[in-house]
Amino acid sequence: MADKGDLGWRLLAGAAAFGAGFVARKTITIGWKQITGKEPPTNPESPEVALAEAIGWAVVTGVGMEVARLLATRAAAKRWHSSTGELPAALRSAADKVKNAGS
């Protein structure tokens, strides 16, 4: 069973990732409109969408969303570390886990 610290970290990281994903999606959509001059494809899997446009949208959103999630989770981990004095268990290295298990 997860302890309170683990649950707290999961909630914090999940909220940070969700918020970052929401903001990233809006930002990517606005950027796509400015660069291409048209709305992003709503269904890139459709044969009616040009293959280059579908692949471009998939790459831009995939990379953009993952980078946003990564940055948000790292910021949350930094905040967690500053308030608790240690990294969340999920982010500790194997050596740190062994060291802390012996204490």
PDB file of N, CA and C in Angstrom:
ATOM      1  N   MET A   1       0.836  -1.183   0.000  1.00  0.00           N
ATOM      2  CA  MET A   1       0.000   0.000   0.000  1.00  0.00           C
ATOM      3  C   MET A   1       0.878   1.242   0.000  1.00  0.00           C
ATOM      4  N   ALA A   2       0.455   2.253  -0.700  1.00  0.00           N
ATOM      5  CA  ALA A   2       1.220   3.491  -0.797  1.00  0.00           C
ATOM      6  C   ALA A   2       1.121   4.257   0.518  1.00  0.00           C
ATOM      7  N   ASP A   3       2.260   4.828   0.939  1.00  0.00           N
ATOM      8  CA  ASP A   3       2.207   5.652   2.137  1.00  0.00           C
ATOM      9  C   ASP A   3       1.701   7.044   1.776  1.00  0.00           C
ATOM     10  N   LYS A   4       1.495   7.883   2.801  1.00  0.00           N
ATOM     11  CA  LYS A   4       0.940   9.217   2.553  1.00  0.00           C
ATOM     12  C   LYS A   4       1.855  10.073   1.689  1.00  0.00           C
ATOM     13  N   GLY A   5       3.178   9.929   1.885  1.00  0.00           N
ATOM     14  CA  GLY A   5       4.111  10.690   1.067  1.00  0.00           C
ATOM     15  C   GLY A   5       4.018  10.304  -0.392  1.00  0.00           C
ATOM     16  N   ASP A   6       3.912   8.992  -0.653  1.00  0.00           N
ATOM     17  CA  ASP A   6       3.806   8.507  -2.028  1.00  0.00           C
ATOM     18  C   ASP A   6       2.506   8.992  -2.659  1.00  0.00           C
ATOM     19  N   LEU A   7       1.424   8.933  -1.923  1.00  0.00           N
ATOM     20  CA  LEU A   7       0.134   9.399  -2.430  1.00  0.00           C
ATOM     21  C   LEU A   7       0.176  10.906  -2.676  1.00  0.00           C
ATOM     22  N   GLY A   8       0.771  11.641  -1.745  1.00  0.00           N
ATOM     23  CA  GLY A   8       0.890  13.090  -1.917  1.00  0.00           C
ATOM     24  C   GLY A   8       1.700  13.437  -3.159  1.00  0.00           C
ATOM     25  N   TRP A   9       2.796  12.706  -3.369  1.00  0.00           N
ATOM     26  CA  TRP A   9       3.619  12.949  -4.554  1.00  0.00           C
ATOM     27  C   TRP A   9       2.839  12.630  -5.820  1.00  0.00           C
ATOM     28  N   ARG A  10       2.126  11.529  -5.821  1.00  0.00           N
ATOM     29  CA  ARG A  10       1.352  11.156  -7.015  1.00  0.00           C
ATOM     30  C   ARG A  10       0.303  12.214  -7.342  1.00  0.00           C
ATOM     31  N   LEU A  11      -0.347  12.730  -6.316  1.00  0.00           N
ATOM     32  CA  LEU A  11      -1.347  13.778  -6.539  1.00  0.00           C
ATOM     33  C   LEU A  11      -0.702  15.054  -7.070  1.00  0.00           C
ATOM     34  N   LEU A  12       0.410  15.451  -6.460  1.00  0.00           N
ATOM     35  CA  LEU A  12       1.111  16.661  -6.899  1.00  0.00           C
ATOM     36  C   LEU A  12       1.624  16.512  -8.332  1.00  0.00           C
ATOM     37  N   ALA A  13       2.283  15.408  -8.617  1.00  0.00           N
ATOM     38  CA  ALA A  13       2.830  15.187  -9.959  1.00  0.00           C
ATOM     39  C   ALA A  13       1.719  15.080 -10.991  1.00  0.00           C
ATOM     40  N   GLY A  14       0.644  14.408 -10.641  1.00  0.00           N
ATOM     41  CA  GLY A  14      -0.485  14.275 -11.570  1.00  0.00           C
ATOM     42  C   GLY A  14      -1.128  15.617 -11.879  1.00  0.00           C
ATOM     43  N   ALA A  15      -1.322  16.426 -10.845  1.00  0.00           N
ATOM     44  CA  ALA A  15      -1.915  17.750 -11.050  1.00  0.00           C
ATOM     45  C   ALA A  15      -0.993  18.632 -11.885  1.00  0.00           C
ATOM     46  N   ALA A  16       0.311  18.567 -11.618  1.00  0.00           N
ATOM     47  CA  ALA A  16       1.267  19.367 -12.390  1.00  0.00           C
ATOM     48  C   ALA A  16       1.280  18.934 -13.851  1.00  0.00           C
ATOM     49  N   ALA A  17       1.293  17.629 -14.085  1.00  0.00           N
ATOM     50  CA  ALA A  17       1.313  17.115 -15.453  1.00  0.00           C
ATOM     51  C   ALA A  17       0.019  17.463 -16.190  1.00  0.00           C
ATOM     52  N   PHE A  18      -1.107  17.351 -15.501  1.00  0.00           N
ATOM     53  CA  PHE A  18      -2.388  17.682 -16.116  1.00  0.00           C
ATOM     54  C   PHE A  18      -2.441  19.157 -16.504  1.00  0.00           C
ATOM     55  N   GLY A  19      -2.063  20.015 -15.577  1.00  0.00           N
ATOM     56  CA  GLY A  19      -2.072  21.451 -15.860  1.00  0.00           C
ATOM     57  C   GLY A  19      -1.126  21.814 -16.992  1.00  0.00           C
ATOM     58  N   ALA A  20       0.067  21.222 -16.973  1.00  0.00           N
ATOM     59  CA  ALA A  20       1.036  21.498 -18.038  1.00  0.00           C
ATOM     60  C   ALA A  20       0.529  21.003 -19.381  1.00  0.00           C
ATOM     61  N   GLY A  21      -0.108  19.838 -19.386  1.00  0.00           N
ATOM     62  CA  GLY A  21      -0.660  19.302 -20.626  1.00  0.00           C
ATOM     63  C   GLY A  21      -1.749  20.193 -21.197  1.00  0.00           C
ATOM     64  N   PHE A  22      -2.601  20.706 -20.323  1.00  0.00           N
ATOM     65  CA  PHE A  22      -3.674  21.598 -20.753  1.00  0.00           C
ATOM     66  C   PHE A  22      -3.109  22.869 -21.389  1.00  0.00           C
ATOM     67  N   VAL A  23      -2.166  23.487 -20.697  1.00  0.00           N
ATOM     68  CA  VAL A  23      -1.549  24.719 -21.202  1.00  0.00           C
ATOM     69  C   VAL A  23      -0.769  24.436 -22.493  1.00  0.00           C
ATOM     70  N   ALA A  24      -0.045  23.330 -22.516  1.00  0.00           N
ATOM     71  CA  ALA A  24       0.742  22.983 -23.711  1.00  0.00           C
ATOM     72  C   ALA A  24      -0.164  22.780 -24.915  1.00  0.00           C
ATOM     73  N   ARG A  25      -1.268  22.081 -24.728  1.00  0.00           N
ATOM     74  CA  ARG A  25      -2.181  21.817 -25.848  1.00  0.00           C
ATOM     75  C   ARG A  25      -2.730  23.133 -26.416  1.00  0.00           C
ATOM     76  N   LYS A  26      -3.119  24.031 -25.533  1.00  0.00           N
ATOM     77  CA  LYS A  26      -3.624  25.337 -25.991  1.00  0.00           C
ATOM     78  C   LYS A  26      -2.527  26.112 -26.719  1.00  0.00           C
ATOM     79  N   THR A  27      -1.328  26.116 -26.167  1.00  0.00           N
ATOM     80  CA  THR A  27      -0.207  26.838 -26.766  1.00  0.00           C
ATOM     81  C   THR A  27       0.162  26.250 -28.124  1.00  0.00           C
ATOM     82  N   ILE A  28       0.206  24.931 -28.204  1.00  0.00           N
ATOM     83  CA  ILE A  28       0.542  24.260 -29.469  1.00  0.00           C
ATOM     84  C   ILE A  28      -0.510  24.562 -30.527  1.00  0.00           C
ATOM     85  N   THR A  29      -1.772  24.558 -30.137  1.00  0.00           N
ATOM     86  CA  THR A  29      -2.853  24.853 -31.079  1.00  0.00           C
ATOM     87  C   THR A  29      -2.738  26.281 -31.610  1.00  0.00           C
ATOM     88  N   ILE A  30      -2.473  27.226 -30.726  1.00  0.00           N
ATOM     89  CA  ILE A  30      -2.313  28.628 -31.152  1.00  0.00           C
ATOM     90  C   ILE A  30      -1.107  28.760 -32.078  1.00  0.00           C
ATOM     91  N   GLY A  31       0.001  28.134 -31.702  1.00  0.00           N
ATOM     92  CA  GLY A  31       1.200  28.177 -32.543  1.00  0.00           C
ATOM     93  C   GLY A  31       0.964  27.563 -33.907  1.00  0.00           C
ATOM     94  N   TRP A  32       0.246  26.458 -33.945  1.00  0.00           N
ATOM     95  CA  TRP A  32      -0.059  25.787 -35.221  1.00  0.00           C
ATOM     96  C   TRP A  32      -0.865  26.724 -36.126  1.00  0.00           C
ATOM     97  N   LYS A  33      -1.868  27.389 -35.537  1.00  0.00           N
ATOM     98  CA  LYS A  33      -2.700  28.320 -36.309  1.00  0.00           C
ATOM     99  C   LYS A  33      -1.862  29.466 -36.858  1.00  0.00           C
ATOM    100  N   GLN A  34      -0.948  30.002 -36.036  1.00  0.00           N
ATOM    101  CA  GLN A  34      -0.121  31.123 -36.482  1.00  0.00           C
ATOM    102  C   GLN A  34       0.860  30.710 -37.575  1.00  0.00           C
ATOM    103  N   ILE A  35       1.438  29.533 -37.441  1.00  0.00           N
ATOM    104  CA  ILE A  35       2.453  29.095 -38.399  1.00  0.00           C
ATOM    105  C   ILE A  35       1.838  28.614 -39.709  1.00  0.00           C
ATOM    106  N   THR A  36       0.770  27.804 -39.607  1.00  0.00           N
ATOM    107  CA  THR A  36       0.189  27.225 -40.825  1.00  0.00           C
ATOM    108  C   THR A  36      -0.939  28.068 -41.400  1.00  0.00           C
ATOM    109  N   GLY A  37      -1.532  28.914 -40.583  1.00  0.00           N
ATOM    110  CA  GLY A  37      -2.652  29.723 -41.047  1.00  0.00           C
ATOM    111  C   GLY A  37      -3.970  28.978 -41.063  1.00  0.00           C
ATOM    112  N   LYS A  38      -4.010  27.776 -40.494  1.00  0.00           N
ATOM    113  CA  LYS A  38      -5.271  27.031 -40.439  1.00  0.00           C
ATOM    114  C   LYS A  38      -5.375  26.253 -39.141  1.00  0.00           C
ATOM    115  N   GLU A  39      -6.575  25.770 -38.878  1.00  0.00           N
ATOM    116  CA  GLU A  39      -6.829  24.994 -37.669  1.00  0.00           C
ATOM    117  C   GLU A  39      -6.046  23.678 -37.725  1.00  0.00           C
ATOM    118  N   PRO A  40      -5.619  23.176 -36.566  1.00  0.00           N
ATOM    119  CA  PRO A  40      -4.963  21.867 -36.563  1.00  0.00           C
ATOM    120  C   PRO A  40      -5.979  20.773 -36.905  1.00  0.00           C
ATOM    121  N   PRO A  41      -5.509  19.649 -37.416  1.00  0.00           N
ATOM    122  CA  PRO A  41      -6.458  18.584 -37.763  1.00  0.00           C
ATOM    123  C   PRO A  41      -7.138  18.040 -36.508  1.00  0.00           C
ATOM    124  N   THR A  42      -8.473  17.908 -36.575  1.00  0.00           N
ATOM    125  CA  THR A  42      -9.206  17.365 -35.435  1.00  0.00           C
ATOM    126  C   THR A  42      -9.146  15.843 -35.415  1.00  0.00           C
ATOM    127  N   ASN A  43      -8.949  15.246 -36.583  1.00  0.00           N
ATOM    128  CA  ASN A  43      -8.844  13.797 -36.676  1.00  0.00           C
ATOM    129  C   ASN A  43      -7.705  13.455 -37.641  1.00  0.00           C
ATOM    130  N   PRO A  44      -6.462  13.477 -37.165  1.00  0.00           N
ATOM    131  CA  PRO A  44      -5.321  13.237 -38.048  1.00  0.00           C
ATOM    132  C   PRO A  44      -5.323  11.853 -38.695  1.00  0.00           C
ATOM    133  N   GLU A  45      -6.065  10.904 -38.129  1.00  0.00           N
ATOM    134  CA  GLU A  45      -6.125   9.560 -38.699  1.00  0.00           C
ATOM    135  C   GLU A  45      -6.957   9.496 -39.978  1.00  0.00           C
ATOM    136  N   SER A  46      -7.759  10.512 -40.220  1.00  0.00           N
ATOM    137  CA  SER A  46      -8.638  10.522 -41.381  1.00  0.00           C
ATOM    138  C   SER A  46      -7.840  10.634 -42.682  1.00  0.00           C
ATOM    139  N   PRO A  47      -8.214   9.837 -43.686  1.00  0.00           N
ATOM    140  CA  PRO A  47      -7.545   9.940 -44.987  1.00  0.00           C
ATOM    141  C   PRO A  47      -7.768  11.298 -45.669  1.00  0.00           C
ATOM    142  N   GLU A  48      -8.725  12.066 -45.188  1.00  0.00           N
ATOM    143  CA  GLU A  48      -8.982  13.390 -45.757  1.00  0.00           C
ATOM    144  C   GLU A  48      -7.938  14.413 -45.323  1.00  0.00           C
ATOM    145  N   VAL A  49      -7.167  14.095 -44.286  1.00  0.00           N
ATOM    146  CA  VAL A  49      -6.097  14.976 -43.820  1.00  0.00           C
ATOM    147  C   VAL A  49      -4.817  14.554 -44.524  1.00  0.00           C
ATOM    148  N   ALA A  50      -4.103  15.536 -45.077  1.00  0.00           N
ATOM    149  CA  ALA A  50      -2.851  15.228 -45.769  1.00  0.00           C
ATOM    150  C   ALA A  50      -1.894  14.519 -44.814  1.00  0.00           C
ATOM    151  N   LEU A  51      -1.179  13.533 -45.326  1.00  0.00           N
ATOM    152  CA  LEU A  51      -0.281  12.745 -44.499  1.00  0.00           C
ATOM    153  C   LEU A  51       0.777  13.621 -43.827  1.00  0.00           C
ATOM    154  N   ALA A  52       1.362  14.556 -44.562  1.00  0.00           N
ATOM    155  CA  ALA A  52       2.387  15.432 -43.983  1.00  0.00           C
ATOM    156  C   ALA A  52       1.809  16.261 -42.832  1.00  0.00           C
ATOM    157  N   GLU A  53       0.582  16.747 -42.997  1.00  0.00           N
ATOM    158  CA  GLU A  53      -0.060  17.531 -41.945  1.00  0.00           C
ATOM    159  C   GLU A  53      -0.353  16.657 -40.729  1.00  0.00           C
ATOM    160  N   ALA A  54      -0.839  15.446 -40.949  1.00  0.00           N
ATOM    161  CA  ALA A  54      -1.141  14.535 -39.849  1.00  0.00           C
ATOM    162  C   ALA A  54       0.123  14.175 -39.074  1.00  0.00           C
ATOM    163  N   ILE A  55       1.198  13.864 -39.792  1.00  0.00           N
ATOM    164  CA  ILE A  55       2.458  13.519 -39.128  1.00  0.00           C
ATOM    165  C   ILE A  55       3.024  14.734 -38.402  1.00  0.00           C
ATOM    166  N   GLY A  56       2.974  15.884 -39.042  1.00  0.00           N
ATOM    167  CA  GLY A  56       3.453  17.108 -38.396  1.00  0.00           C
ATOM    168  C   GLY A  56       2.719  17.394 -37.102  1.00  0.00           C
ATOM    169  N   TRP A  57       1.400  17.277 -37.129  1.00  0.00           N
ATOM    170  CA  TRP A  57       0.605  17.530 -35.933  1.00  0.00           C
ATOM    171  C   TRP A  57       0.940  16.507 -34.845  1.00  0.00           C
ATOM    172  N   ALA A  58       1.077  15.242 -35.218  1.00  0.00           N
ATOM    173  CA  ALA A  58       1.405  14.197 -34.246  1.00  0.00           C
ATOM    174  C   ALA A  58       2.765  14.456 -33.595  1.00  0.00           C
ATOM    175  N   VAL A  59       3.745  14.839 -34.388  1.00  0.00           N
ATOM    176  CA  VAL A  59       5.082  15.090 -33.856  1.00  0.00           C
ATOM    177  C   VAL A  59       5.076  16.314 -32.939  1.00  0.00           C
ATOM    178  N   VAL A  60       4.477  17.386 -33.390  1.00  0.00           N
ATOM    179  CA  VAL A  60       4.455  18.625 -32.607  1.00  0.00           C
ATOM    180  C   VAL A  60       3.713  18.425 -31.295  1.00  0.00           C
ATOM    181  N   THR A  61       2.544  17.802 -31.344  1.00  0.00           N
ATOM    182  CA  THR A  61       1.797  17.614 -30.097  1.00  0.00           C
ATOM    183  C   THR A  61       2.469  16.580 -29.194  1.00  0.00           C
ATOM    184  N   GLY A  62       2.984  15.517 -29.771  1.00  0.00           N
ATOM    185  CA  GLY A  62       3.643  14.498 -28.955  1.00  0.00           C
ATOM    186  C   GLY A  62       4.845  15.043 -28.216  1.00  0.00           C
ATOM    187  N   VAL A  63       5.713  15.697 -28.944  1.00  0.00           N
ATOM    188  CA  VAL A  63       6.920  16.259 -28.320  1.00  0.00           C
ATOM    189  C   VAL A  63       6.548  17.395 -27.370  1.00  0.00           C
ATOM    190  N   GLY A  64       5.681  18.274 -27.800  1.00  0.00           N
ATOM    191  CA  GLY A  64       5.289  19.414 -26.968  1.00  0.00           C
ATOM    192  C   GLY A  64       4.636  18.990 -25.662  1.00  0.00           C
ATOM    193  N   MET A  65       3.735  18.030 -25.727  1.00  0.00           N
ATOM    194  CA  MET A  65       3.048  17.569 -24.526  1.00  0.00           C
ATOM    195  C   MET A  65       4.014  16.855 -23.580  1.00  0.00           C
ATOM    196  N   GLU A  66       4.895  16.045 -24.124  1.00  0.00           N
ATOM    197  CA  GLU A  66       5.835  15.320 -23.261  1.00  0.00           C
ATOM    198  C   GLU A  66       6.846  16.265 -22.613  1.00  0.00           C
ATOM    199  N   VAL A  67       7.319  17.248 -23.356  1.00  0.00           N
ATOM    200  CA  VAL A  67       8.247  18.225 -22.775  1.00  0.00           C
ATOM    201  C   VAL A  67       7.548  19.006 -21.665  1.00  0.00           C
ATOM    202  N   ALA A  68       6.325  19.408 -21.892  1.00  0.00           N
ATOM    203  CA  ALA A  68       5.575  20.138 -20.860  1.00  0.00           C
ATOM    204  C   ALA A  68       5.381  19.274 -19.617  1.00  0.00           C
ATOM    205  N   ARG A  69       5.023  18.009 -19.809  1.00  0.00           N
ATOM    206  CA  ARG A  69       4.837  17.094 -18.687  1.00  0.00           C
ATOM    207  C   ARG A  69       6.144  16.892 -17.922  1.00  0.00           C
ATOM    208  N   LEU A  70       7.235  16.718 -18.660  1.00  0.00           N
ATOM    209  CA  LEU A  70       8.540  16.526 -18.041  1.00  0.00           C
ATOM    210  C   LEU A  70       8.942  17.738 -17.205  1.00  0.00           C
ATOM    211  N   LEU A  71       8.809  18.920 -17.770  1.00  0.00           N
ATOM    212  CA  LEU A  71       9.181  20.136 -17.051  1.00  0.00           C
ATOM    213  C   LEU A  71       8.310  20.351 -15.819  1.00  0.00           C
ATOM    214  N   ALA A  72       7.021  20.064 -15.945  1.00  0.00           N
ATOM    215  CA  ALA A  72       6.116  20.236 -14.802  1.00  0.00           C
ATOM    216  C   ALA A  72       6.432  19.242 -13.696  1.00  0.00           C
ATOM    217  N   THR A  73       6.721  18.015 -14.059  1.00  0.00           N
ATOM    218  CA  THR A  73       7.041  16.998 -13.056  1.00  0.00           C
ATOM    219  C   THR A  73       8.366  17.307 -12.365  1.00  0.00           C
ATOM    220  N   ARG A  74       9.341  17.783 -13.138  1.00  0.00           N
ATOM    221  CA  ARG A  74      10.624  18.162 -12.534  1.00  0.00           C
ATOM    222  C   ARG A  74      10.451  19.343 -11.579  1.00  0.00           C
ATOM    223  N   ALA A  75       9.630  20.318 -11.965  1.00  0.00           N
ATOM    224  CA  ALA A  75       9.372  21.462 -11.086  1.00  0.00           C
ATOM    225  C   ALA A  75       8.652  21.002  -9.813  1.00  0.00           C
ATOM    226  N   ALA A  76       7.716  20.086  -9.963  1.00  0.00           N
ATOM    227  CA  ALA A  76       7.006  19.552  -8.794  1.00  0.00           C
ATOM    228  C   ALA A  76       7.972  18.791  -7.886  1.00  0.00           C
ATOM    229  N   ALA A  77       8.889  18.029  -8.477  1.00  0.00           N
ATOM    230  CA  ALA A  77       9.871  17.282  -7.684  1.00  0.00           C
ATOM    231  C   ALA A  77      10.791  18.232  -6.922  1.00  0.00           C
ATOM    232  N   LYS A  78      11.162  19.322  -7.574  1.00  0.00           N
ATOM    233  CA  LYS A  78      12.016  20.313  -6.912  1.00  0.00           C
ATOM    234  C   LYS A  78      11.265  20.932  -5.723  1.00  0.00           C
ATOM    235  N   ARG A  79      10.013  21.243  -5.949  1.00  0.00           N
ATOM    236  CA  ARG A  79       9.185  21.813  -4.874  1.00  0.00           C
ATOM    237  C   ARG A  79       9.021  20.810  -3.727  1.00  0.00           C
ATOM    238  N   TRP A  80       8.778  19.541  -4.099  1.00  0.00           N
ATOM    239  CA  TRP A  80       8.631  18.479  -3.102  1.00  0.00           C
ATOM    240  C   TRP A  80       9.907  18.360  -2.273  1.00  0.00           C
ATOM    241  N   HIS A  81      11.042  18.370  -2.978  1.00  0.00           N
ATOM    242  CA  HIS A  81      12.341  18.243  -2.308  1.00  0.00           C
ATOM    243  C   HIS A  81      12.577  19.410  -1.348  1.00  0.00           C
ATOM    244  N   SER A  82      12.244  20.612  -1.775  1.00  0.00           N
ATOM    245  CA  SER A  82      12.476  21.777  -0.909  1.00  0.00           C
ATOM    246  C   SER A  82      11.566  21.770   0.313  1.00  0.00           C
ATOM    247  N   SER A  83      10.387  21.176   0.199  1.00  0.00           N
ATOM    248  CA  SER A  83       9.483  21.175   1.351  1.00  0.00           C
ATOM    249  C   SER A  83       9.649  19.955   2.258  1.00  0.00           C
ATOM    250  N   THR A  84      10.123  18.828   1.714  1.00  0.00           N
ATOM    251  CA  THR A  84      10.263  17.618   2.540  1.00  0.00           C
ATOM    252  C   THR A  84      11.714  17.276   2.853  1.00  0.00           C
ATOM    253  N   GLY A  85      12.647  17.838   2.103  1.00  0.00           N
ATOM    254  CA  GLY A  85      14.055  17.529   2.321  1.00  0.00           C
ATOM    255  C   GLY A  85      14.554  16.319   1.569  1.00  0.00           C
ATOM    256  N   GLU A  86      13.673  15.650   0.839  1.00  0.00           N
ATOM    257  CA  GLU A  86      14.101  14.508   0.031  1.00  0.00           C
ATOM    258  C   GLU A  86      13.237  14.383  -1.213  1.00  0.00           C
ATOM    259  N   LEU A  87      13.780  13.696  -2.185  1.00  0.00           N
ATOM    260  CA  LEU A  87      13.027  13.458  -3.406  1.00  0.00           C
ATOM    261  C   LEU A  87      11.918  12.448  -3.147  1.00  0.00           C
ATOM    262  N   PRO A  88      10.863  12.462  -3.956  1.00  0.00           N
ATOM    263  CA  PRO A  88       9.843  11.420  -3.834  1.00  0.00           C
ATOM    264  C   PRO A  88      10.482  10.058  -4.092  1.00  0.00           C
ATOM    265  N   ALA A  89       9.970   9.025  -3.460  1.00  0.00           N
ATOM    266  CA  ALA A  89      10.532   7.678  -3.601  1.00  0.00           C
ATOM    267  C   ALA A  89      10.602   7.259  -5.063  1.00  0.00           C
ATOM    268  N   ALA A  90       9.628   7.635  -5.853  1.00  0.00           N
ATOM    269  CA  ALA A  90       9.592   7.237  -7.261  1.00  0.00           C
ATOM    270  C   ALA A  90      10.739   7.836  -8.061  1.00  0.00           C
ATOM    271  N   LEU A  91      11.362   8.897  -7.573  1.00  0.00           N
ATOM    272  CA  LEU A  91      12.417   9.574  -8.317  1.00  0.00           C
ATOM    273  C   LEU A  91      13.809   9.347  -7.745  1.00  0.00           C
ATOM    274  N   ARG A  92      13.890   8.675  -6.633  1.00  0.00           N
ATOM    275  CA  ARG A  92      15.196   8.417  -6.048  1.00  0.00           C
ATOM    276  C   ARG A  92      15.944   7.373  -6.851  1.00  0.00           C
ATOM    277  N   SER A  93      17.263   7.512  -6.882  1.00  0.00           N
ATOM    278  CA  SER A  93      18.082   6.511  -7.567  1.00  0.00           C
ATOM    279  C   SER A  93      18.092   5.223  -6.753  1.00  0.00           C
ATOM    280  N   ALA A  94      18.505   4.133  -7.381  1.00  0.00           N
ATOM    281  CA  ALA A  94      18.565   2.842  -6.702  1.00  0.00           C
ATOM    282  C   ALA A  94      19.487   2.901  -5.488  1.00  0.00           C
ATOM    283  N   ALA A  95      20.613   3.608  -5.608  1.00  0.00           N
ATOM    284  CA  ALA A  95      21.557   3.723  -4.489  1.00  0.00           C
ATOM    285  C   ALA A  95      20.917   4.459  -3.316  1.00  0.00           C
ATOM    286  N   ASP A  96      20.167   5.525  -3.602  1.00  0.00           N
ATOM    287  CA  ASP A  96      19.496   6.278  -2.538  1.00  0.00           C
ATOM    288  C   ASP A  96      18.448   5.404  -1.850  1.00  0.00           C
ATOM    289  N   LYS A  97      17.734   4.575  -2.610  1.00  0.00           N
ATOM    290  CA  LYS A  97      16.712   3.719  -2.035  1.00  0.00           C
ATOM    291  C   LYS A  97      17.322   2.695  -1.093  1.00  0.00           C
ATOM    292  N   VAL A  98      18.445   2.127  -1.487  1.00  0.00           N
ATOM    293  CA  VAL A  98      19.131   1.153  -0.630  1.00  0.00           C
ATOM    294  C   VAL A  98      19.627   1.833   0.632  1.00  0.00           C
ATOM    295  N   LYS A  99      20.221   3.025   0.486  1.00  0.00           N
ATOM    296  CA  LYS A  99      20.742   3.765   1.640  1.00  0.00           C
ATOM    297  C   LYS A  99      19.626   4.105   2.605  1.00  0.00           C
ATOM    298  N   ASN A 100      18.486   4.590   2.073  1.00  0.00           N
ATOM    299  CA  ASN A 100      17.367   4.978   2.928  1.00  0.00           C
ATOM    300  C   ASN A 100      16.665   3.776   3.551  1.00  0.00           C
ATOM    301  N   ALA A 101      16.696   2.624   2.904  1.00  0.00           N
ATOM    302  CA  ALA A 101      16.059   1.427   3.443  1.00  0.00           C
ATOM    303  C   ALA A 101      16.783   0.941   4.686  1.00  0.00           C
ATOM    304  N   GLY A 102      18.098   1.183   4.738  1.00  0.00           N
ATOM    305  CA  GLY A 102      18.877   0.746   5.892  1.00  0.00           C
ATOM    306  C   GLY A 102      18.742   1.667   7.085  1.00  0.00           C
ATOM    307  N   SER A 103      18.176   2.853   6.906  1.00  0.00           N
ATOM    308  CA  SER A 103      18.082   3.799   8.021  1.00  0.00           C
ATOM    309  C   SER A 103      16.899   3.517   8.891  1.00  0.00           C
TER     310      SER A 103
END
